[in-house]
Amino acid sequence: MIWAVERIGTSSLAVLKSFQDTLSFAITTFLRMFRRETYNSAMRMVLVHQIYYTAVQILPLFTIISIIFGSLLIGIVFQVIKNLGLAEYLGRILMGFVVAELSPFITVLLIALRSSSAINTEIAVMKVNNELRTLEVFNIDLVNYLFLPRIINGVISVVMLSSLFSVLALTSGLLFSMLIFGMSLDVYTNALLNSANFYDIFISTIKCCTFGFFITLIPIRFGLHASKELTSIPVAVLNGMVKVFIAIVLIEVLSLILRFI
């Protein structure tokens, strides 16, 4: 019995220590984002490359996925609305569900699967190969040169791609509104505009920024936990990705609580 209590206590302390370290690292990098000297020429070059790799290269695949998923989910939502006789709430449901919830969630999942794992592996490999140590020897700031470009890129990419997903999904909604409800373009547009809520859009934007911040920061932090052995790389990546998806769920829950306060 005492052994079980000790194991639970040790695990709890380890979780709290990990959370404290992550929060401290997040605060440090967040404050660096607002320092003018952070944005030197080398950092800006890395940032542009990161945005290209994350948000631009993925555009064809992301557009196809957005159209397929958006059309499928919009079609289901419209059919449910029709069956329940809730056509007058069409705009409110689309703005509240598609723009505020669906778009950020699917976007962050796609970017996490594609980019978070890559960042985690990249940092872990650099740690194992002593590349991080080499950069420090040459007095290169790791936070400014390596970490912040990836984190800022995550914030920008999630916001931009989430907005693109919303536009594509709402555009496909126009087709379904014509087929199912016989709505014209003007009626559909007015329904969306009349249902647009600044608070919901604000919460959605903050959620996208938070998603982008943590799905890049957490992989960086756990990549730094890799040891000098090659076998530590998959362990660091696995731990990092598990924590990324836990963070996504927690942020989604907190955003829902804020929306209904």
Protein backbone atom coordinates (compact mmCIF):
# COMPACT_ATOMS: atom_id res chain seq x y z
CA MET A 1 0.00 0.00 0.00
CA ILE A 2 2.80 2.41 0.95
CA TRP A 3 4.62 1.47 -2.26
CA ALA A 4 1.55 2.33 -4.35
CA VAL A 5 1.14 5.70 -2.61
CA GLU A 6 4.81 6.47 -3.19
CA ARG A 7 4.48 5.62 -6.89
CA ILE A 8 1.42 7.86 -7.21
CA GLY A 9 3.18 10.68 -5.37
CA THR A 10 6.32 10.36 -7.48
CA SER A 11 4.32 10.34 -10.72
CA SER A 12 2.29 13.37 -9.59
CA LEU A 13 5.43 15.31 -8.72
CA ALA A 14 6.97 14.40 -12.08
CA VAL A 15 3.86 15.64 -13.91
CA LEU A 16 3.83 18.88 -11.91
CA LYS A 17 7.55 19.40 -12.55
CA SER A 18 7.05 18.82 -16.29
CA PHE A 19 4.11 21.25 -16.34
CA GLN A 20 6.13 23.86 -14.43
CA ASP A 21 9.10 23.53 -16.79
CA THR A 22 6.85 23.77 -19.85
CA LEU A 23 5.12 26.85 -18.45
CA SER A 24 8.44 28.49 -17.62
CA PHE A 25 9.77 27.76 -21.11
CA ALA A 26 6.53 29.09 -22.63
CA ILE A 27 6.75 32.35 -20.66
CA THR A 28 10.39 32.84 -21.65
CA THR A 29 9.74 32.35 -25.35
CA PHE A 30 6.51 34.38 -25.25
CA LEU A 31 8.27 37.39 -23.75
CA ARG A 32 11.05 37.10 -26.34
CA MET A 33 8.44 37.48 -29.09
CA PHE A 34 7.90 41.11 -28.09
CA ARG A 35 11.55 42.15 -28.00
CA ARG A 36 12.69 44.17 -30.99
CA GLU A 37 16.22 42.74 -31.01
CA THR A 38 14.77 39.25 -31.45
CA TYR A 39 13.90 39.95 -35.08
CA ASN A 40 17.36 40.14 -36.64
CA SER A 41 18.01 39.26 -40.27
CA ALA A 42 18.93 35.61 -39.56
CA MET A 43 15.78 35.08 -37.49
CA ARG A 44 13.56 36.65 -40.15
CA MET A 45 15.08 34.44 -42.84
CA VAL A 46 14.43 31.30 -40.81
CA LEU A 47 10.89 32.49 -40.06
CA VAL A 48 10.09 33.01 -43.75
CA HIS A 49 11.42 29.55 -44.59
CA GLN A 50 9.39 27.98 -41.79
CA ILE A 51 6.18 29.67 -42.95
CA TYR A 52 6.83 28.44 -46.47
CA TYR A 53 7.40 24.85 -45.35
CA THR A 54 4.43 24.78 -42.98
CA ALA A 55 1.72 26.98 -44.53
CA VAL A 56 2.59 27.25 -48.23
CA GLN A 57 3.81 23.79 -49.19
CA ILE A 58 0.80 22.19 -47.56
CA LEU A 59 -1.73 24.40 -49.39
CA PRO A 60 -2.71 21.95 -52.21
CA LEU A 61 -3.24 19.04 -49.81
CA PHE A 62 -4.87 21.25 -47.19
CA THR A 63 -7.25 22.74 -49.76
CA ILE A 64 -8.35 19.28 -50.92
CA ILE A 65 -8.82 18.05 -47.34
CA SER A 66 -10.71 21.22 -46.42
CA ILE A 67 -13.10 20.85 -49.34
CA ILE A 68 -13.71 17.14 -48.64
CA PHE A 69 -14.11 17.40 -44.87
CA GLY A 70 -15.86 20.75 -45.02
CA SER A 71 -18.37 19.59 -47.61
CA LEU A 72 -19.01 16.32 -45.78
CA LEU A 73 -19.59 17.95 -42.41
CA ILE A 74 -21.56 20.86 -43.85
CA GLY A 75 -23.79 18.40 -45.70
CA ILE A 76 -24.43 16.46 -42.49
CA VAL A 77 -25.11 19.64 -40.52
CA PHE A 78 -27.52 20.95 -43.15
CA GLN A 79 -29.40 17.66 -43.24
CA VAL A 80 -29.74 17.65 -39.46
CA ILE A 81 -30.92 21.28 -39.51
CA LYS A 82 -33.53 20.42 -42.12
CA ASN A 83 -34.79 17.36 -40.22
CA LEU A 84 -35.09 19.35 -36.99
CA GLY A 85 -36.70 22.35 -38.67
CA LEU A 86 -33.99 24.77 -37.55
CA ALA A 87 -33.44 26.56 -40.84
CA GLU A 88 -33.77 29.97 -39.18
CA TYR A 89 -30.69 29.17 -37.06
CA LEU A 90 -28.59 28.21 -40.08
CA GLY A 91 -26.22 31.19 -39.92
CA ARG A 92 -25.73 30.95 -36.18
CA ILE A 93 -24.95 27.23 -36.36
CA LEU A 94 -22.47 27.69 -39.21
CA MET A 95 -20.64 30.58 -37.55
CA GLY A 96 -20.62 28.93 -34.14
CA PHE A 97 -19.72 25.43 -35.33
CA VAL A 98 -17.67 25.81 -38.50
CA VAL A 99 -15.79 29.05 -37.84
CA ALA A 100 -15.38 28.89 -34.07
CA GLU A 101 -14.91 25.15 -33.47
CA LEU A 102 -14.47 22.97 -36.55
CA SER A 103 -11.93 25.02 -38.51
CA PRO A 104 -9.35 25.56 -35.72
CA PHE A 105 -9.62 21.95 -34.53
CA ILE A 106 -9.12 20.25 -37.89
CA THR A 107 -6.41 22.72 -38.86
CA VAL A 108 -4.40 22.18 -35.69
CA LEU A 109 -4.70 18.40 -36.04
CA LEU A 110 -3.32 18.50 -39.58
CA ILE A 111 -0.45 20.83 -38.69
CA ALA A 112 0.36 18.83 -35.55
CA LEU A 113 0.55 15.59 -37.52
CA ARG A 114 2.69 17.16 -40.23
CA SER A 115 4.85 19.77 -38.52
CA SER A 116 4.93 19.08 -34.77
CA SER A 117 6.44 15.64 -35.22
CA ALA A 118 8.97 17.06 -37.70
CA ILE A 119 10.01 19.82 -35.29
CA ASN A 120 10.29 17.35 -32.44
CA THR A 121 12.49 15.03 -34.49
CA GLU A 122 14.60 17.90 -35.82
CA ILE A 123 15.41 19.29 -32.37
CA ALA A 124 16.06 15.82 -30.94
CA VAL A 125 18.45 14.95 -33.78
CA MET A 126 20.27 18.26 -33.34
CA LYS A 127 20.60 17.52 -29.62
CA VAL A 128 21.99 14.01 -30.25
CA ASN A 129 24.45 15.26 -32.90
CA ASN A 130 25.67 18.10 -30.63
CA GLU A 131 24.53 20.69 -33.18
CA LEU A 132 22.82 22.71 -30.45
CA ARG A 133 26.06 22.77 -28.49
CA THR A 134 27.92 23.92 -31.59
CA LEU A 135 25.53 26.83 -32.06
CA GLU A 136 26.01 27.83 -28.43
CA VAL A 137 29.80 27.73 -28.85
CA PHE A 138 29.45 30.27 -31.67
CA ASN A 139 27.29 32.47 -29.39
CA ILE A 140 24.13 31.88 -31.45
CA ASP A 141 20.99 32.38 -29.37
CA LEU A 142 19.00 29.13 -29.67
CA VAL A 143 15.73 30.78 -28.65
CA ASN A 144 15.97 33.54 -31.27
CA TYR A 145 17.46 31.49 -34.08
CA LEU A 146 15.84 28.05 -33.67
CA PHE A 147 12.86 28.18 -31.36
CA LEU A 148 11.02 31.47 -31.97
CA PRO A 149 10.85 31.19 -35.79
CA ARG A 150 9.15 27.82 -35.44
CA ILE A 151 6.78 29.00 -32.71
CA ILE A 152 5.78 32.20 -34.51
CA ASN A 153 5.38 30.19 -37.69
CA GLY A 154 3.02 27.85 -35.84
CA VAL A 155 0.85 30.75 -34.68
CA ILE A 156 0.70 32.35 -38.14
CA SER A 157 0.12 29.07 -39.96
CA VAL A 158 -2.74 27.91 -37.73
CA VAL A 159 -4.52 31.29 -37.98
CA MET A 160 -4.12 31.52 -41.77
CA LEU A 161 -5.01 27.91 -42.57
CA SER A 162 -7.94 27.93 -40.16
CA SER A 163 -9.29 31.01 -41.94
CA LEU A 164 -8.85 29.27 -45.29
CA PHE A 165 -10.70 26.20 -44.02
CA SER A 166 -13.58 28.40 -42.82
CA VAL A 167 -13.84 30.14 -46.21
CA LEU A 168 -13.82 26.86 -48.13
CA ALA A 169 -16.32 25.23 -45.77
CA LEU A 170 -18.70 28.19 -45.87
CA THR A 171 -18.38 28.30 -49.66
CA SER A 172 -19.41 24.66 -49.89
CA GLY A 173 -22.22 25.55 -47.50
CA LEU A 174 -23.57 27.89 -50.18
CA LEU A 175 -23.98 24.94 -52.54
CA PHE A 176 -25.77 22.83 -49.92
CA SER A 177 -28.00 25.77 -48.93
CA MET A 178 -29.11 26.06 -52.54
CA LEU A 179 -29.73 22.33 -52.91
CA ILE A 180 -31.41 21.67 -49.56
CA PHE A 181 -33.10 24.95 -48.65
CA GLY A 182 -33.26 26.70 -52.02
CA MET A 183 -31.43 29.75 -50.64
CA SER A 184 -30.01 32.42 -52.88
CA LEU A 185 -26.52 33.87 -52.47
CA ASP A 186 -27.88 37.06 -50.88
CA VAL A 187 -29.99 35.20 -48.33
CA TYR A 188 -27.12 32.88 -47.40
CA THR A 189 -24.63 35.76 -47.08
CA ASN A 190 -27.01 37.83 -44.96
CA ALA A 191 -27.64 34.85 -42.67
CA LEU A 192 -23.92 34.51 -42.05
CA LEU A 193 -23.29 38.22 -41.56
CA ASN A 194 -26.24 38.63 -39.20
CA SER A 195 -25.02 35.68 -37.14
CA ALA A 196 -21.39 36.82 -36.96
CA ASN A 197 -20.41 37.43 -33.36
CA PHE A 198 -17.27 39.44 -32.61
CA TYR A 199 -16.72 37.66 -29.30
CA ASP A 200 -16.85 34.21 -30.93
CA ILE A 201 -14.44 35.31 -33.67
CA PHE A 202 -12.12 36.81 -31.05
CA ILE A 203 -12.13 33.61 -28.97
CA SER A 204 -11.57 31.56 -32.13
CA THR A 205 -8.57 33.71 -33.11
CA ILE A 206 -7.06 33.49 -29.63
CA LYS A 207 -7.61 29.73 -29.69
CA CYS A 208 -5.82 29.44 -33.04
CA CYS A 209 -2.88 31.47 -31.72
CA THR A 210 -2.72 29.33 -28.58
CA PHE A 211 -2.91 26.14 -30.64
CA GLY A 212 -0.08 27.31 -32.89
CA PHE A 213 2.05 28.40 -29.95
CA PHE A 214 1.87 25.14 -28.00
CA ILE A 215 1.96 22.61 -30.87
CA THR A 216 5.38 24.01 -31.75
CA LEU A 217 6.69 24.86 -28.29
CA ILE A 218 5.98 21.43 -26.77
CA PRO A 219 7.83 19.47 -29.50
CA ILE A 220 10.82 21.81 -29.11
CA ARG A 221 10.91 21.30 -25.37
CA PHE A 222 10.68 17.51 -25.55
CA GLY A 223 13.18 17.41 -28.39
CA LEU A 224 15.63 19.07 -26.00
CA HIS A 225 15.07 16.18 -23.58
CA ALA A 226 16.77 13.73 -25.92
CA SER A 227 19.99 12.27 -24.55
CA LYS A 228 23.21 11.60 -26.45
CA GLU A 229 21.94 8.22 -27.70
CA LEU A 230 20.10 7.73 -31.01
CA THR A 231 17.52 5.53 -29.28
CA SER A 232 16.34 8.55 -27.29
CA ILE A 233 15.03 10.28 -30.44
CA PRO A 234 11.85 8.17 -30.94
CA VAL A 235 11.18 8.32 -27.19
CA ALA A 236 11.42 12.12 -27.21
CA VAL A 237 9.17 12.35 -30.27
CA LEU A 238 6.58 10.00 -28.77
CA ASN A 239 6.48 11.88 -25.46
CA GLY A 240 6.29 15.22 -27.25
CA MET A 241 3.43 14.20 -29.55
CA VAL A 242 1.42 12.74 -26.68
CA LYS A 243 1.76 16.02 -24.81
CA VAL A 244 0.83 17.96 -27.97
CA PHE A 245 -2.51 16.17 -28.30
CA ILE A 246 -3.18 16.54 -24.58
CA ALA A 247 -2.56 20.28 -24.97
CA ILE A 248 -4.93 20.45 -27.96
CA VAL A 249 -7.73 18.83 -25.93
CA LEU A 250 -7.12 21.11 -22.93
CA ILE A 251 -7.11 24.26 -25.07
CA GLU A 252 -10.31 23.15 -26.81
CA VAL A 253 -12.05 22.56 -23.47
CA LEU A 254 -10.90 25.91 -22.07
CA SER A 255 -12.11 27.72 -25.20
CA LEU A 256 -15.54 26.14 -24.86
CA ILE A 257 -15.69 27.27 -21.23
CA LEU A 258 -14.76 30.84 -22.22
CA ARG A 259 -17.42 30.91 -24.94
CA PHE A 260 -20.18 30.04 -22.49
CA ILE A 261 -19.08 32.29 -19.63
